[in-house]
Amino acid sequence: MSSSTGPAPGLPVRMPRPRQSGRHRRPEPVAAPEGAPALVLAVPGSPAPTTRSLAEEVISIARSELPGLDVGIGYLDGDDAEYPTLETVLARTAARRTDRYEIARAAGREVTEPEGPAAVVVPLLAGPDNALMRRIRQAVMDSRAAAELTDVLGPHPLLAEAVHVRLSEAGLARADRARLFTVATAADGIILATVGGQEAVQAAGITGMLLAARLAVPVMAAALDEEGSVAAIAEQLRGSGSGQLALAPYLVGPELPEGLLDAAAKEAGCAAAEALGAYPAIGKLVLSQYTTTLGIAPQGQGAEQR
C-alpha cells in the first residue's frame, strides 16, 4: 500500500545519479530548500494498482531530479483507504507542517512560523481539461490547506518527444528521423488524440506541430470525448493523401476512460500507440511546474523550460 507521502515500502525508488569525478563532472543537483512546500500530484481517473504505480514512478523521477523533495499523491476519485483523496492528502500535508513547527518549538529550536503554501499541486494532465481542473480546484479549496495549483504539463517539446517514442515502440514511426532505414508499418499521418474538448484539441495541436517536424508527416489533433471527432480527422488526413494512419494518445493515461482509445482506433481504422505513461519527461515536467511556481531551478532544468 502506498502512503500519501510517496512510494510504498519495498517498491523501487529512483535515486539521485552518483556524482561523476573529473574536470567535466556534472554539477550536483540542487536540493529542495528546507521547509519547501510539498509537491502533491493530483491524479485523475479511477484509482487502480496500475495508476498508483504510474504516479509513484512519476514522483520518483521528480525526486531524483530534486533530492529532499517532500511529495504526496492524491486521487480525485480516491477512497481515503488505499487511495487517499487529494483533499485528504493536502489536509495531512498542512497538518504535518504545523506539527513539525510545534515540535521544533517545544524542543527549544529557533524556528519561524510556517508561511506561504504548504503544498504545490500539480495535475497529472498533459493538456487542459476544464471538468477535471474544476474538480481539482474544488478539492484544494475543500482541504482548507494553503496550496498553489499549477497549470497542466503541456504543450511542451518534451511531450512531442514522448509521443514520438510511444509511436516508435508500437512500430508506427521511425525511432530516429536521421537514420536511413524505414519501418514497414510506419504511419504517414498521425491523429493526436486527447480529451477535454476543443480547448484540449487546440493545445494538442501545438504539440502536434512539433511532432510533425520530428516525423515529417502530417499530424492533426482530435478529441476522443467528442463523437465523430476522430473519424472526421481520419477522413481529412486520408483526403490529403495519407494512406496509413496511426492514433497517438496525447494523454498520460489515468485520465483516459477505459475502452475509449480502442473504440476510437477502430472507428478510424488504424493502429494506436500507448499513452505517455511514466515516460521520464512526465516526471521532469511535473517537477518543472513545481519549481517554476517556487522559483527554484534544479541543474539541467533551464533548457527544458517551455
C-alpha atoms as a PDB file:
ATOM      1  CA  MET A   1       0.000   0.000   0.000  1.00  0.00           C
ATOM      2  CA  SER A   2       1.253   3.401  -0.856  1.00  0.00           C
ATOM      3  CA  SER A   3       1.257   6.314   1.536  1.00  0.00           C
ATOM      4  CA  SER A   4       0.234   9.903   0.921  1.00  0.00           C
ATOM      5  CA  THR A   5       3.865  10.893   1.015  1.00  0.00           C
ATOM      6  CA  GLY A   6       5.274   8.664  -1.689  1.00  0.00           C
ATOM      7  CA  PRO A   7       6.044   5.115  -2.797  1.00  0.00           C
ATOM      8  CA  ALA A   8       5.143   2.204  -0.558  1.00  0.00           C
ATOM      9  CA  PRO A   9       7.950   0.399   1.311  1.00  0.00           C
ATOM     10  CA  GLY A  10       9.673  -2.187  -0.833  1.00  0.00           C
ATOM     11  CA  LEU A  11       8.957  -0.500  -4.138  1.00  0.00           C
ATOM     12  CA  PRO A  12      11.946   0.644  -6.222  1.00  0.00           C
ATOM     13  CA  VAL A  13      12.817   4.305  -5.789  1.00  0.00           C
ATOM     14  CA  ARG A  14      14.775   6.200  -8.428  1.00  0.00           C
ATOM     15  CA  MET A  15      17.845   7.516  -6.622  1.00  0.00           C
ATOM     16  CA  PRO A  16      19.936  10.595  -7.491  1.00  0.00           C
ATOM     17  CA  ARG A  17      22.691   9.936 -10.011  1.00  0.00           C
ATOM     18  CA  PRO A  18      26.133   9.292  -8.491  1.00  0.00           C
ATOM     19  CA  ARG A  19      28.495  12.229  -8.675  1.00  0.00           C
ATOM     20  CA  GLN A  20      30.969  11.964 -11.524  1.00  0.00           C
ATOM     21  CA  SER A  21      34.643  12.585 -10.930  1.00  0.00           C
ATOM     22  CA  GLY A  22      36.989  14.606 -13.091  1.00  0.00           C
ATOM     23  CA  ARG A  23      37.140  18.050 -14.590  1.00  0.00           C
ATOM     24  CA  HIS A  24      33.919  17.687 -16.571  1.00  0.00           C
ATOM     25  CA  ARG A  25      31.735  16.172 -13.888  1.00  0.00           C
ATOM     26  CA  ARG A  26      28.146  17.303 -13.773  1.00  0.00           C
ATOM     27  CA  PRO A  27      27.203  19.786 -11.044  1.00  0.00           C
ATOM     28  CA  GLU A  28      25.475  18.381  -8.009  1.00  0.00           C
ATOM     29  CA  PRO A  29      21.674  18.701  -8.370  1.00  0.00           C
ATOM     30  CA  VAL A  30      20.097  21.429  -6.291  1.00  0.00           C
ATOM     31  CA  ALA A  31      18.346  20.011  -3.235  1.00  0.00           C
ATOM     32  CA  ALA A  32      14.894  21.109  -2.153  1.00  0.00           C
ATOM     33  CA  PRO A  33      15.138  24.026   0.275  1.00  0.00           C
ATOM     34  CA  GLU A  34      14.448  23.199   3.910  1.00  0.00           C
ATOM     35  CA  GLY A  35      10.801  23.776   4.677  1.00  0.00           C
ATOM     36  CA  ALA A  36       9.819  23.931   0.995  1.00  0.00           C
ATOM     37  CA  PRO A  37       6.190  23.082   0.214  1.00  0.00           C
ATOM     38  CA  ALA A  38       5.381  19.507  -0.697  1.00  0.00           C
ATOM     39  CA  LEU A  39       4.804  18.546  -4.306  1.00  0.00           C
ATOM     40  CA  VAL A  40       1.385  16.908  -4.423  1.00  0.00           C
ATOM     41  CA  LEU A  41       0.440  15.083  -7.617  1.00  0.00           C
ATOM     42  CA  ALA A  42      -3.263  15.287  -8.460  1.00  0.00           C
ATOM     43  CA  VAL A  43      -4.174  12.027 -10.219  1.00  0.00           C
ATOM     44  CA  PRO A  44      -7.430  11.839 -12.218  1.00  0.00           C
ATOM     45  CA  GLY A  45      -9.357   8.746 -13.216  1.00  0.00           C
ATOM     46  CA  SER A  46     -10.410   5.612 -11.390  1.00  0.00           C
ATOM     47  CA  PRO A  47      -7.703   4.504  -8.917  1.00  0.00           C
ATOM     48  CA  ALA A  48      -6.084   1.144  -9.642  1.00  0.00           C
ATOM     49  CA  PRO A  49      -2.734  -0.545  -8.940  1.00  0.00           C
ATOM     50  CA  THR A  50      -1.500   0.415 -12.417  1.00  0.00           C
ATOM     51  CA  THR A  51      -2.441   4.048 -11.829  1.00  0.00           C
ATOM     52  CA  ARG A  52      -0.696   4.071  -8.466  1.00  0.00           C
ATOM     53  CA  SER A  53       2.434   2.509  -9.967  1.00  0.00           C
ATOM     54  CA  LEU A  54       2.496   5.137 -12.715  1.00  0.00           C
ATOM     55  CA  ALA A  55       2.036   8.012 -10.251  1.00  0.00           C
ATOM     56  CA  GLU A  56       4.757   6.677  -7.954  1.00  0.00           C
ATOM     57  CA  GLU A  57       7.186   6.347 -10.872  1.00  0.00           C
ATOM     58  CA  VAL A  58       6.477   9.943 -11.927  1.00  0.00           C
ATOM     59  CA  ILE A  59       7.099  11.114  -8.359  1.00  0.00           C
ATOM     60  CA  SER A  60      10.276   9.015  -8.197  1.00  0.00           C
ATOM     61  CA  ILE A  61      11.618  10.747 -11.311  1.00  0.00           C
ATOM     62  CA  ALA A  62      10.849  14.154  -9.795  1.00  0.00           C
ATOM     63  CA  ARG A  63      12.602  13.231  -6.527  1.00  0.00           C
ATOM     64  CA  SER A  64      15.684  12.030  -8.400  1.00  0.00           C
ATOM     65  CA  GLU A  65      15.925  15.464 -10.029  1.00  0.00           C
ATOM     66  CA  LEU A  66      15.385  17.375  -6.769  1.00  0.00           C
ATOM     67  CA  PRO A  67      16.699  15.436  -3.730  1.00  0.00           C
ATOM     68  CA  GLY A  68      14.963  16.119  -0.449  1.00  0.00           C
ATOM     69  CA  LEU A  69      11.639  16.855  -2.130  1.00  0.00           C
ATOM     70  CA  ASP A  70       8.588  16.242   0.081  1.00  0.00           C
ATOM     71  CA  VAL A  71       5.883  14.595  -2.024  1.00  0.00           C
ATOM     72  CA  GLY A  72       2.336  13.332  -1.938  1.00  0.00           C
ATOM     73  CA  ILE A  73      -0.115  11.632  -4.291  1.00  0.00           C
ATOM     74  CA  GLY A  74      -3.818  12.468  -4.147  1.00  0.00           C
ATOM     75  CA  TYR A  75      -6.529  10.811  -6.233  1.00  0.00           C
ATOM     76  CA  LEU A  76      -9.568  12.716  -7.482  1.00  0.00           C
ATOM     77  CA  ASP A  77     -11.662   9.571  -7.138  1.00  0.00           C
ATOM     78  CA  GLY A  78      -9.841   8.109  -4.160  1.00  0.00           C
ATOM     79  CA  ASP A  79     -11.399   6.148  -1.308  1.00  0.00           C
ATOM     80  CA  ASP A  80      -9.239   7.524   1.554  1.00  0.00           C
ATOM     81  CA  ALA A  81      -8.122   3.980   2.360  1.00  0.00           C
ATOM     82  CA  GLU A  82      -5.823   2.513  -0.246  1.00  0.00           C
ATOM     83  CA  TYR A  83      -6.084   5.575  -2.468  1.00  0.00           C
ATOM     84  CA  PRO A  84      -6.191   8.828  -0.452  1.00  0.00           C
ATOM     85  CA  THR A  85      -8.163  11.664  -1.973  1.00  0.00           C
ATOM     86  CA  LEU A  86      -6.447  14.877  -2.994  1.00  0.00           C
ATOM     87  CA  GLU A  87      -8.378  16.739  -0.300  1.00  0.00           C
ATOM     88  CA  THR A  88      -7.156  14.354   2.407  1.00  0.00           C
ATOM     89  CA  VAL A  89      -3.528  14.436   1.249  1.00  0.00           C
ATOM     90  CA  LEU A  90      -3.488  18.229   1.274  1.00  0.00           C
ATOM     91  CA  ALA A  91      -5.051  18.414   4.733  1.00  0.00           C
ATOM     92  CA  ARG A  92      -2.494  15.914   6.078  1.00  0.00           C
ATOM     93  CA  THR A  93       0.370  17.787   4.408  1.00  0.00           C
ATOM     94  CA  ALA A  94      -0.653  21.068   6.036  1.00  0.00           C
ATOM     95  CA  ALA A  95      -1.114  19.393   9.438  1.00  0.00           C
ATOM     96  CA  ARG A  96       2.287  17.721   9.164  1.00  0.00           C
ATOM     97  CA  ARG A  97       3.978  21.061   8.509  1.00  0.00           C
ATOM     98  CA  THR A  98       2.269  22.576  11.570  1.00  0.00           C
ATOM     99  CA  ASP A  99       3.271  19.579  13.700  1.00  0.00           C
ATOM    100  CA  ARG A 100       6.921  19.919  12.678  1.00  0.00           C
ATOM    101  CA  TYR A 101       6.868  23.564  13.677  1.00  0.00           C
ATOM    102  CA  GLU A 102       5.307  22.827  17.060  1.00  0.00           C
ATOM    103  CA  ILE A 103       7.779  20.013  17.772  1.00  0.00           C
ATOM    104  CA  ALA A 104      10.713  22.263  16.881  1.00  0.00           C
ATOM    105  CA  ARG A 105       9.414  24.988  19.203  1.00  0.00           C
ATOM    106  CA  ALA A 106       8.899  22.507  22.002  1.00  0.00           C
ATOM    107  CA  ALA A 107      12.492  21.339  21.558  1.00  0.00           C
ATOM    108  CA  GLY A 108      13.704  24.925  22.037  1.00  0.00           C
ATOM    109  CA  ARG A 109      14.810  25.474  18.450  1.00  0.00           C
ATOM    110  CA  GLU A 110      14.593  28.950  16.933  1.00  0.00           C
ATOM    111  CA  VAL A 111      12.161  28.472  14.097  1.00  0.00           C
ATOM    112  CA  THR A 112       9.870  30.836  12.242  1.00  0.00           C
ATOM    113  CA  GLU A 113       6.187  30.142  11.954  1.00  0.00           C
ATOM    114  CA  PRO A 114       5.309  28.464   8.611  1.00  0.00           C
ATOM    115  CA  GLU A 115       4.035  30.831   5.957  1.00  0.00           C
ATOM    116  CA  GLY A 116       3.193  30.514   2.301  1.00  0.00           C
ATOM    117  CA  PRO A 117       1.768  27.369   0.696  1.00  0.00           C
ATOM    118  CA  ALA A 118       2.097  24.026   2.410  1.00  0.00           C
ATOM    119  CA  ALA A 119       1.897  22.298  -0.957  1.00  0.00           C
ATOM    120  CA  VAL A 120       2.111  22.856  -4.684  1.00  0.00           C
ATOM    121  CA  VAL A 121      -0.483  20.777  -6.520  1.00  0.00           C
ATOM    122  CA  VAL A 122       0.493  19.567  -9.999  1.00  0.00           C
ATOM    123  CA  PRO A 123      -2.265  17.973 -12.143  1.00  0.00           C
ATOM    124  CA  LEU A 124      -1.166  14.779 -13.886  1.00  0.00           C
ATOM    125  CA  LEU A 125      -2.592  16.027 -17.181  1.00  0.00           C
ATOM    126  CA  ALA A 126      -0.797  16.554 -20.486  1.00  0.00           C
ATOM    127  CA  GLY A 127      -3.370  19.080 -21.701  1.00  0.00           C
ATOM    128  CA  PRO A 128      -6.245  21.205 -20.415  1.00  0.00           C
ATOM    129  CA  ASP A 129      -9.451  19.569 -19.219  1.00  0.00           C
ATOM    130  CA  ASN A 130     -11.849  22.081 -17.697  1.00  0.00           C
ATOM    131  CA  ALA A 131     -14.026  19.486 -15.981  1.00  0.00           C
ATOM    132  CA  LEU A 132     -11.079  17.816 -14.251  1.00  0.00           C
ATOM    133  CA  MET A 133      -9.406  21.105 -13.363  1.00  0.00           C
ATOM    134  CA  ARG A 134     -12.627  22.329 -11.720  1.00  0.00           C
ATOM    135  CA  ARG A 135     -12.655  19.214  -9.569  1.00  0.00           C
ATOM    136  CA  ILE A 136      -9.005  19.673  -8.622  1.00  0.00           C
ATOM    137  CA  ARG A 137      -9.605  23.314  -7.640  1.00  0.00           C
ATOM    138  CA  GLN A 138     -12.622  22.279  -5.565  1.00  0.00           C
ATOM    139  CA  ALA A 139     -10.578  19.606  -3.757  1.00  0.00           C
ATOM    140  CA  VAL A 140      -7.889  22.172  -2.970  1.00  0.00           C
ATOM    141  CA  MET A 141     -10.487  24.552  -1.539  1.00  0.00           C
ATOM    142  CA  ASP A 142     -12.245  21.804   0.424  1.00  0.00           C
ATOM    143  CA  SER A 143      -8.942  20.766   2.039  1.00  0.00           C
ATOM    144  CA  ARG A 144      -8.632  24.247   3.614  1.00  0.00           C
ATOM    145  CA  ALA A 145      -4.876  23.874   3.136  1.00  0.00           C
ATOM    146  CA  ALA A 146      -2.685  26.673   1.839  1.00  0.00           C
ATOM    147  CA  ALA A 147      -1.795  25.279  -1.572  1.00  0.00           C
ATOM    148  CA  GLU A 148      -0.812  26.552  -5.008  1.00  0.00           C
ATOM    149  CA  LEU A 149      -2.293  24.868  -8.085  1.00  0.00           C
ATOM    150  CA  THR A 150      -0.131  24.780 -11.224  1.00  0.00           C
ATOM    151  CA  ASP A 151      -1.129  24.522 -14.860  1.00  0.00           C
ATOM    152  CA  VAL A 152      -1.174  21.235 -16.794  1.00  0.00           C
ATOM    153  CA  LEU A 153       2.062  19.803 -18.222  1.00  0.00           C
ATOM    154  CA  GLY A 154       1.704  20.785 -21.873  1.00  0.00           C
ATOM    155  CA  PRO A 155       2.146  21.882 -24.516  1.00  0.00           C
ATOM    156  CA  HIS A 156       5.874  21.225 -24.389  1.00  0.00           C
ATOM    157  CA  PRO A 157       8.573  19.866 -26.756  1.00  0.00           C
ATOM    158  CA  LEU A 158       9.273  17.030 -24.310  1.00  0.00           C
ATOM    159  CA  LEU A 159       5.714  15.789 -24.809  1.00  0.00           C
ATOM    160  CA  ALA A 160       6.261  15.673 -28.581  1.00  0.00           C
ATOM    161  CA  GLU A 161       9.338  13.560 -27.871  1.00  0.00           C
ATOM    162  CA  ALA A 162       7.304  11.275 -25.607  1.00  0.00           C
ATOM    163  CA  VAL A 163       4.580  10.755 -28.232  1.00  0.00           C
ATOM    164  CA  HIS A 164       7.282  10.023 -30.840  1.00  0.00           C
ATOM    165  CA  VAL A 165       8.825   7.371 -28.589  1.00  0.00           C
ATOM    166  CA  ARG A 166       5.453   5.701 -27.945  1.00  0.00           C
ATOM    167  CA  LEU A 167       4.773   5.608 -31.701  1.00  0.00           C
ATOM    168  CA  SER A 168       8.180   4.079 -32.401  1.00  0.00           C
ATOM    169  CA  GLU A 169       7.661   1.499 -29.643  1.00  0.00           C
ATOM    170  CA  ALA A 170       4.445   0.447 -31.396  1.00  0.00           C
ATOM    171  CA  GLY A 171       6.269   0.206 -34.738  1.00  0.00           C
ATOM    172  CA  LEU A 172       4.296   3.134 -36.119  1.00  0.00           C
ATOM    173  CA  ALA A 173       7.174   5.598 -36.576  1.00  0.00           C
ATOM    174  CA  ARG A 174      10.921   5.589 -37.031  1.00  0.00           C
ATOM    175  CA  ALA A 175      12.783   5.940 -33.772  1.00  0.00           C
ATOM    176  CA  ASP A 176      15.189   8.441 -35.359  1.00  0.00           C
ATOM    177  CA  ARG A 177      14.388  10.535 -38.407  1.00  0.00           C
ATOM    178  CA  ALA A 178      18.109  10.898 -39.169  1.00  0.00           C
ATOM    179  CA  ARG A 179      18.566   7.164 -39.776  1.00  0.00           C
ATOM    180  CA  LEU A 180      18.347   5.930 -43.340  1.00  0.00           C
ATOM    181  CA  PHE A 181      16.030   2.981 -42.736  1.00  0.00           C
ATOM    182  CA  THR A 182      12.252   2.873 -42.710  1.00  0.00           C
ATOM    183  CA  VAL A 183       9.703   0.971 -40.668  1.00  0.00           C
ATOM    184  CA  ALA A 184       7.316  -1.058 -42.827  1.00  0.00           C
ATOM    185  CA  THR A 185       4.347  -0.192 -40.623  1.00  0.00           C
ATOM    186  CA  ALA A 186       5.289   3.487 -40.146  1.00  0.00           C
ATOM    187  CA  ALA A 187       2.302   5.796 -40.424  1.00  0.00           C
ATOM    188  CA  ASP A 188       2.192   8.637 -42.912  1.00  0.00           C
ATOM    189  CA  GLY A 189      -0.459  10.511 -40.944  1.00  0.00           C
ATOM    190  CA  ILE A 190      -0.923  10.857 -37.180  1.00  0.00           C
ATOM    191  CA  ILE A 191      -4.115  11.516 -35.232  1.00  0.00           C
ATOM    192  CA  LEU A 192      -3.080  13.098 -31.933  1.00  0.00           C
ATOM    193  CA  ALA A 193      -5.865  12.062 -29.575  1.00  0.00           C
ATOM    194  CA  THR A 194      -6.802  13.956 -26.432  1.00  0.00           C
ATOM    195  CA  VAL A 195      -9.742  14.512 -24.065  1.00  0.00           C
ATOM    196  CA  GLY A 196     -11.138  17.784 -22.782  1.00  0.00           C
ATOM    197  CA  GLY A 197     -12.972  19.206 -25.781  1.00  0.00           C
ATOM    198  CA  GLN A 198     -11.840  21.830 -28.242  1.00  0.00           C
ATOM    199  CA  GLU A 199      -9.545  23.660 -25.821  1.00  0.00           C
ATOM    200  CA  ALA A 200      -7.627  20.422 -25.363  1.00  0.00           C
ATOM    201  CA  VAL A 201      -7.555  19.868 -29.138  1.00  0.00           C
ATOM    202  CA  GLN A 202      -6.077  23.339 -29.705  1.00  0.00           C
ATOM    203  CA  ALA A 203      -3.397  22.762 -27.065  1.00  0.00           C
ATOM    204  CA  ALA A 204      -2.601  19.326 -28.508  1.00  0.00           C
ATOM    205  CA  GLY A 205      -2.274  20.963 -31.921  1.00  0.00           C
ATOM    206  CA  ILE A 206       0.764  22.903 -30.687  1.00  0.00           C
ATOM    207  CA  THR A 207       2.497  19.690 -29.672  1.00  0.00           C
ATOM    208  CA  GLY A 208       1.255  18.205 -32.952  1.00  0.00           C
ATOM    209  CA  MET A 209       3.230  20.764 -34.937  1.00  0.00           C
ATOM    210  CA  LEU A 210       6.379  19.804 -33.030  1.00  0.00           C
ATOM    211  CA  LEU A 211       5.658  16.124 -33.629  1.00  0.00           C
ATOM    212  CA  ALA A 212       5.087  16.732 -37.356  1.00  0.00           C
ATOM    213  CA  ALA A 213       8.505  18.371 -37.559  1.00  0.00           C
ATOM    214  CA  ARG A 214      10.085  15.324 -35.896  1.00  0.00           C
ATOM    215  CA  LEU A 215       8.333  12.749 -38.090  1.00  0.00           C
ATOM    216  CA  ALA A 216       7.980  14.707 -41.364  1.00  0.00           C
ATOM    217  CA  VAL A 217       4.361  13.538 -41.670  1.00  0.00           C
ATOM    218  CA  PRO A 218       1.088  15.424 -41.115  1.00  0.00           C
ATOM    219  CA  VAL A 219      -0.259  15.415 -37.565  1.00  0.00           C
ATOM    220  CA  MET A 220      -3.765  16.558 -36.601  1.00  0.00           C
ATOM    221  CA  ALA A 221      -5.404  16.632 -33.165  1.00  0.00           C
ATOM    222  CA  ALA A 222      -8.811  15.153 -32.341  1.00  0.00           C
ATOM    223  CA  ALA A 223     -10.977  14.832 -29.231  1.00  0.00           C
ATOM    224  CA  LEU A 224     -11.644  11.288 -28.050  1.00  0.00           C
ATOM    225  CA  ASP A 225     -14.551  12.531 -25.957  1.00  0.00           C
ATOM    226  CA  GLU A 226     -16.348  14.239 -28.866  1.00  0.00           C
ATOM    227  CA  GLU A 227     -18.380  11.892 -31.027  1.00  0.00           C
ATOM    228  CA  GLY A 228     -17.148  11.757 -34.608  1.00  0.00           C
ATOM    229  CA  SER A 229     -14.042  13.891 -33.992  1.00  0.00           C
ATOM    230  CA  VAL A 230     -11.500  11.112 -34.570  1.00  0.00           C
ATOM    231  CA  ALA A 231     -13.323   9.775 -37.638  1.00  0.00           C
ATOM    232  CA  ALA A 232     -13.517  13.267 -39.142  1.00  0.00           C
ATOM    233  CA  ILE A 233      -9.783  13.865 -38.704  1.00  0.00           C
ATOM    234  CA  ALA A 234      -9.009  10.418 -40.134  1.00  0.00           C
ATOM    235  CA  GLU A 235     -11.085  11.234 -43.201  1.00  0.00           C
ATOM    236  CA  GLN A 236      -9.358  14.608 -43.554  1.00  0.00           C
ATOM    237  CA  LEU A 237      -5.889  13.044 -43.383  1.00  0.00           C
ATOM    238  CA  ARG A 238      -6.792  10.368 -45.912  1.00  0.00           C
ATOM    239  CA  GLY A 239      -8.284  13.011 -48.169  1.00  0.00           C
ATOM    240  CA  SER A 240      -4.968  14.868 -48.150  1.00  0.00           C
ATOM    241  CA  GLY A 241      -3.015  11.780 -49.213  1.00  0.00           C
ATOM    242  CA  SER A 242      -2.188   9.856 -46.013  1.00  0.00           C
ATOM    243  CA  GLY A 243      -2.816   6.176 -46.594  1.00  0.00           C
ATOM    244  CA  GLN A 244      -1.621   4.631 -43.339  1.00  0.00           C
ATOM    245  CA  LEU A 245      -2.747   6.378 -40.165  1.00  0.00           C
ATOM    246  CA  ALA A 246      -1.859   5.942 -36.506  1.00  0.00           C
ATOM    247  CA  LEU A 247      -3.633   7.094 -33.362  1.00  0.00           C
ATOM    248  CA  ALA A 248      -1.291   8.649 -30.789  1.00  0.00           C
ATOM    249  CA  PRO A 249      -2.678   9.482 -27.319  1.00  0.00           C
ATOM    250  CA  TYR A 250      -1.703  12.916 -26.046  1.00  0.00           C
ATOM    251  CA  LEU A 251      -2.595  11.658 -22.588  1.00  0.00           C
ATOM    252  CA  VAL A 252      -0.686  10.436 -19.553  1.00  0.00           C
ATOM    253  CA  GLY A 253      -3.120   7.565 -19.060  1.00  0.00           C
ATOM    254  CA  PRO A 254      -5.188   7.742 -15.851  1.00  0.00           C
ATOM    255  CA  GLU A 255      -7.473  10.410 -17.353  1.00  0.00           C
ATOM    256  CA  LEU A 256      -8.322   8.114 -20.292  1.00  0.00           C
ATOM    257  CA  PRO A 257     -11.632   6.252 -19.776  1.00  0.00           C
ATOM    258  CA  GLU A 258     -11.256   2.512 -20.274  1.00  0.00           C
ATOM    259  CA  GLY A 259     -12.021   1.317 -23.799  1.00  0.00           C
ATOM    260  CA  LEU A 260     -12.205   4.801 -25.324  1.00  0.00           C
ATOM    261  CA  LEU A 261      -8.871   4.597 -27.164  1.00  0.00           C
ATOM    262  CA  ASP A 262      -9.590   1.150 -28.632  1.00  0.00           C
ATOM    263  CA  ALA A 263     -13.006   2.313 -29.814  1.00  0.00           C
ATOM    264  CA  ALA A 264     -11.500   5.397 -31.458  1.00  0.00           C
ATOM    265  CA  ALA A 265      -8.806   3.352 -33.201  1.00  0.00           C
ATOM    266  CA  LYS A 266     -11.465   1.004 -34.558  1.00  0.00           C
ATOM    267  CA  GLU A 267     -13.547   3.980 -35.680  1.00  0.00           C
ATOM    268  CA  ALA A 268     -10.574   5.476 -37.520  1.00  0.00           C
ATOM    269  CA  GLY A 269      -9.487   2.126 -38.914  1.00  0.00           C
ATOM    270  CA  CYS A 270      -5.911   2.379 -37.691  1.00  0.00           C
ATOM    271  CA  ALA A 271      -3.462   1.145 -35.067  1.00  0.00           C
ATOM    272  CA  ALA A 272      -2.851   3.035 -31.826  1.00  0.00           C
ATOM    273  CA  ALA A 273       0.207   3.697 -29.685  1.00  0.00           C
ATOM    274  CA  GLU A 274       0.210   3.532 -25.901  1.00  0.00           C
ATOM    275  CA  ALA A 275      -0.491   6.543 -23.674  1.00  0.00           C
ATOM    276  CA  LEU A 276       2.519   8.527 -22.426  1.00  0.00           C
ATOM    277  CA  GLY A 277       2.546   6.833 -19.024  1.00  0.00           C
ATOM    278  CA  ALA A 278       5.599   7.314 -16.818  1.00  0.00           C
ATOM    279  CA  TYR A 279       7.878   8.420 -19.640  1.00  0.00           C
ATOM    280  CA  PRO A 280      10.773  10.322 -17.970  1.00  0.00           C
ATOM    281  CA  ALA A 281       9.669  13.632 -19.480  1.00  0.00           C
ATOM    282  CA  ILE A 282       6.425  13.447 -17.494  1.00  0.00           C
ATOM    283  CA  GLY A 283       8.291  13.390 -14.178  1.00  0.00           C
ATOM    284  CA  LYS A 284      10.552  16.211 -15.312  1.00  0.00           C
ATOM    285  CA  LEU A 285       7.610  18.370 -16.394  1.00  0.00           C
ATOM    286  CA  VAL A 286       5.808  17.722 -13.095  1.00  0.00           C
ATOM    287  CA  LEU A 287       8.915  18.945 -11.282  1.00  0.00           C
ATOM    288  CA  SER A 288       9.230  21.895 -13.674  1.00  0.00           C
ATOM    289  CA  GLN A 289       5.725  23.072 -12.765  1.00  0.00           C
ATOM    290  CA  TYR A 290       6.614  22.809  -9.067  1.00  0.00           C
ATOM    291  CA  THR A 291       9.961  24.599  -9.307  1.00  0.00           C
ATOM    292  CA  THR A 292       8.616  27.330 -11.584  1.00  0.00           C
ATOM    293  CA  THR A 293       5.920  28.094  -9.006  1.00  0.00           C
ATOM    294  CA  LEU A 294       8.550  28.385  -6.248  1.00  0.00           C
ATOM    295  CA  GLY A 295      11.321  29.997  -8.308  1.00  0.00           C
ATOM    296  CA  ILE A 296      13.706  27.045  -7.877  1.00  0.00           C
ATOM    297  CA  ALA A 297      15.897  25.918 -10.781  1.00  0.00           C
ATOM    298  CA  PRO A 298      17.429  22.428 -10.459  1.00  0.00           C
ATOM    299  CA  GLN A 299      20.536  21.701 -12.549  1.00  0.00           C
ATOM    300  CA  GLY A 300      19.695  20.979 -16.178  1.00  0.00           C
ATOM    301  CA  GLN A 301      16.102  22.165 -15.936  1.00  0.00           C
ATOM    302  CA  GLY A 302      16.591  25.536 -17.570  1.00  0.00           C
ATOM    303  CA  ALA A 303      16.969  24.033 -21.032  1.00  0.00           C
ATOM    304  CA  GLU A 304      13.692  22.167 -20.637  1.00  0.00           C
ATOM    305  CA  GLN A 305      11.529  25.135 -19.733  1.00  0.00           C
ATOM    306  CA  ARG A 306       8.926  25.842 -22.319  1.00  0.00           C
END
